[in-house]
N, C-alpha and C. Protein backbone atom coordinates (compact mmCIF):
# COMPACT_ATOMS: atom_id res chain seq x y z
N UNK A 1 23.28 -59.89 35.72
CA UNK A 1 24.27 -59.64 36.86
C UNK A 1 24.34 -58.39 37.16
N UNK A 2 24.19 -58.26 38.28
CA UNK A 2 24.35 -56.77 39.06
C UNK A 2 25.79 -56.32 39.18
N UNK A 3 25.96 -54.65 38.66
CA UNK A 3 27.26 -54.35 38.65
C UNK A 3 27.28 -53.79 40.12
N UNK A 4 28.59 -53.80 40.63
CA UNK A 4 28.98 -53.31 42.00
C UNK A 4 30.01 -52.40 41.90
N UNK A 5 29.45 -51.30 42.71
CA UNK A 5 30.52 -50.06 42.69
C UNK A 5 31.06 -49.46 43.89
N UNK A 6 32.31 -49.32 44.02
CA UNK A 6 33.07 -49.57 45.11
C UNK A 6 33.80 -47.95 45.56
N UNK A 7 33.00 -47.42 46.72
CA UNK A 7 33.48 -46.09 46.95
C UNK A 7 33.98 -45.96 48.32
N UNK A 8 35.20 -46.09 48.32
CA UNK A 8 35.94 -45.64 49.50
C UNK A 8 36.71 -44.51 49.99
N UNK A 9 36.49 -44.09 51.05
CA UNK A 9 36.64 -42.65 51.62
C UNK A 9 37.80 -42.60 52.60
N UNK A 10 39.05 -42.39 52.84
CA UNK A 10 39.47 -42.09 54.09
C UNK A 10 40.41 -40.94 54.11
N UNK A 11 41.04 -40.56 55.32
CA UNK A 11 42.07 -39.41 55.25
C UNK A 11 43.61 -39.67 55.20
N UNK A 12 44.57 -38.76 55.47
CA UNK A 12 45.81 -39.33 55.20
C UNK A 12 45.86 -40.33 56.62
N UNK A 13 45.74 -40.02 57.58
CA UNK A 13 46.14 -40.72 58.81
C UNK A 13 45.05 -42.03 58.71
N UNK A 14 44.31 -42.48 57.75
CA UNK A 14 43.52 -43.48 57.97
C UNK A 14 41.99 -43.49 58.46
N UNK A 15 41.81 -42.54 59.12
CA UNK A 15 40.46 -42.53 59.73
C UNK A 15 39.41 -41.32 59.28
N UNK A 16 38.14 -41.61 59.22
CA UNK A 16 37.25 -40.26 59.02
C UNK A 16 36.95 -39.41 60.33
N UNK A 17 37.01 -40.20 61.29
CA UNK A 17 36.34 -39.47 62.43
C UNK A 17 37.58 -38.69 62.92
N UNK A 18 37.24 -37.87 63.85
CA UNK A 18 38.12 -37.15 64.56
C UNK A 18 38.54 -37.67 65.91
N UNK A 19 39.24 -37.24 66.90
CA UNK A 19 39.56 -38.20 68.02
C UNK A 19 38.48 -38.35 68.76
N UNK A 20 37.16 -37.60 68.61
CA UNK A 20 35.98 -37.82 69.67
C UNK A 20 34.97 -38.57 68.77
N UNK A 21 35.42 -39.31 67.53
CA UNK A 21 34.53 -39.85 66.84
C UNK A 21 33.59 -39.45 65.82
N UNK A 22 33.84 -37.47 65.83
CA UNK A 22 33.04 -36.68 65.14
C UNK A 22 33.25 -36.70 63.88
N UNK A 23 32.85 -36.11 62.82
CA UNK A 23 32.44 -36.04 61.47
C UNK A 23 32.22 -34.80 60.93
N UNK A 24 31.79 -33.86 61.60
CA UNK A 24 31.86 -32.75 61.51
C UNK A 24 32.37 -31.98 60.36
N UNK A 25 33.41 -32.40 60.52
CA UNK A 25 34.96 -31.51 59.83
C UNK A 25 34.75 -31.38 58.05
N UNK A 26 34.04 -32.65 57.56
CA UNK A 26 33.57 -33.11 56.50
C UNK A 26 32.42 -31.97 55.83
N UNK A 27 31.64 -31.27 57.06
CA UNK A 27 30.52 -30.28 56.16
C UNK A 27 31.01 -28.86 56.69
N UNK A 28 32.25 -28.76 56.83
CA UNK A 28 32.85 -27.39 56.85
C UNK A 28 32.76 -26.74 55.83
N UNK A 29 32.53 -27.30 54.38
CA UNK A 29 32.71 -26.80 52.94
C UNK A 29 31.51 -26.70 52.30
N UNK A 30 31.11 -25.84 51.51
CA UNK A 30 30.18 -25.61 50.41
C UNK A 30 30.45 -26.50 49.65
N UNK A 31 28.83 -27.26 49.30
CA UNK A 31 29.04 -27.87 48.16
C UNK A 31 28.56 -27.05 46.84
N UNK A 32 28.91 -27.40 45.82
CA UNK A 32 27.81 -26.98 44.45
C UNK A 32 27.03 -27.35 44.15
N UNK A 33 26.09 -26.83 43.60
CA UNK A 33 25.15 -27.37 43.08
C UNK A 33 25.14 -28.30 42.32
N UNK A 34 26.29 -28.84 41.50
CA UNK A 34 26.23 -29.87 40.70
C UNK A 34 27.07 -31.00 41.40
N UNK A 35 27.47 -30.78 42.76
CA UNK A 35 27.71 -31.81 43.71
C UNK A 35 26.54 -32.75 43.83
N UNK A 36 25.30 -32.00 44.02
CA UNK A 36 24.09 -32.40 44.60
C UNK A 36 23.65 -33.31 43.33
N UNK A 37 23.78 -32.71 42.30
CA UNK A 37 23.16 -32.92 41.28
C UNK A 37 23.64 -34.54 40.68
N UNK A 38 25.02 -34.82 41.21
CA UNK A 38 25.77 -36.03 40.94
C UNK A 38 25.67 -37.13 41.86
N UNK A 39 25.49 -36.44 43.40
CA UNK A 39 24.97 -37.41 44.27
C UNK A 39 23.48 -38.17 43.94
N UNK A 40 22.42 -36.91 43.69
CA UNK A 40 21.04 -37.56 43.32
C UNK A 40 21.10 -38.68 42.19
N UNK A 41 21.70 -38.21 41.12
CA UNK A 41 21.87 -39.21 40.30
C UNK A 41 22.12 -40.86 40.35
N UNK A 42 23.41 -40.52 40.86
CA UNK A 42 23.57 -41.99 41.62
C UNK A 42 22.89 -42.51 42.36
N UNK A 43 22.32 -42.35 43.27
CA UNK A 43 21.38 -42.42 44.26
C UNK A 43 19.88 -43.03 43.70
N UNK A 44 19.81 -42.69 42.61
CA UNK A 44 18.79 -43.07 41.75
C UNK A 44 19.31 -44.51 40.98
N UNK A 45 20.16 -44.47 40.89
CA UNK A 45 21.00 -45.70 40.13
C UNK A 45 21.08 -46.76 40.88
N UNK A 46 21.29 -46.94 42.29
CA UNK A 46 21.89 -47.78 42.67
C UNK A 46 20.73 -48.58 43.62
N UNK A 47 20.83 -49.79 44.07
CA UNK A 47 19.50 -50.67 44.67
C UNK A 47 20.10 -50.97 46.14
N UNK A 48 21.24 -50.81 46.51
CA UNK A 48 21.65 -50.84 47.82
C UNK A 48 23.16 -50.20 48.26
N UNK A 49 23.13 -49.94 49.48
CA UNK A 49 24.31 -49.20 50.20
C UNK A 49 24.79 -50.05 51.15
N UNK A 50 26.14 -50.32 51.12
CA UNK A 50 26.80 -51.12 52.50
C UNK A 50 27.75 -50.29 52.84
N UNK A 51 27.24 -50.09 54.71
CA UNK A 51 28.52 -49.29 55.10
C UNK A 51 28.68 -49.66 56.50
N UNK A 52 29.45 -49.17 57.08
CA UNK A 52 29.68 -49.64 58.51
C UNK A 52 28.68 -49.14 59.60
N UNK A 53 29.03 -49.63 60.91
CA UNK A 53 27.86 -49.28 62.24
C UNK A 53 27.91 -47.67 62.30
N UNK A 54 29.52 -47.36 62.26
CA UNK A 54 29.66 -45.92 62.48
C UNK A 54 28.84 -44.94 61.71
N UNK A 55 28.93 -45.15 60.50
CA UNK A 55 28.43 -44.23 59.59
C UNK A 55 26.81 -44.19 59.53
N UNK A 56 26.71 -45.42 60.03
CA UNK A 56 24.90 -45.40 59.99
C UNK A 56 24.51 -44.82 61.34
N UNK A 57 25.37 -45.08 62.53
CA UNK A 57 24.99 -44.48 63.69
C UNK A 57 24.99 -42.84 63.69
N UNK A 58 26.07 -42.06 62.91
CA UNK A 58 26.11 -41.02 62.51
C UNK A 58 24.84 -40.51 61.77
N UNK A 59 24.64 -41.03 60.81
CA UNK A 59 23.65 -40.88 59.55
C UNK A 59 22.08 -40.60 60.08
N UNK A 60 21.82 -41.51 61.35
CA UNK A 60 20.57 -41.57 62.04
C UNK A 60 20.42 -40.38 63.17
N UNK A 61 21.69 -39.80 63.40
CA UNK A 61 21.49 -38.86 64.30
C UNK A 61 21.58 -37.47 63.71
N UNK A 62 21.93 -37.44 62.42
CA UNK A 62 22.29 -36.33 62.03
C UNK A 62 20.81 -35.92 61.20
N UNK A 63 20.99 -34.62 61.18
CA UNK A 63 19.19 -33.89 60.46
C UNK A 63 19.97 -33.48 58.83
N UNK A 64 21.31 -33.89 58.72
CA UNK A 64 21.36 -33.15 57.40
C UNK A 64 21.23 -34.38 55.98
N UNK A 65 20.93 -33.43 55.10
CA UNK A 65 19.93 -34.22 54.07
C UNK A 65 20.69 -33.66 53.04
N UNK A 66 20.78 -34.52 52.02
CA UNK A 66 21.39 -34.32 50.69
C UNK A 66 20.16 -33.51 49.71
């Protein structure tokens, strides 16, 4: 049987995007090397990612890479 892990992120007002639909504010903070190490470890262990269309649309336009 597969293991399901749910990760949900939100802000105090219930929205991730700003009033114009942008999420660039999330990248205003520096990430530590340990943060990237955790992300890479999790990505190696998962078989699928389910997300919404706004996140997919942003990720396909963005040049950001982990």
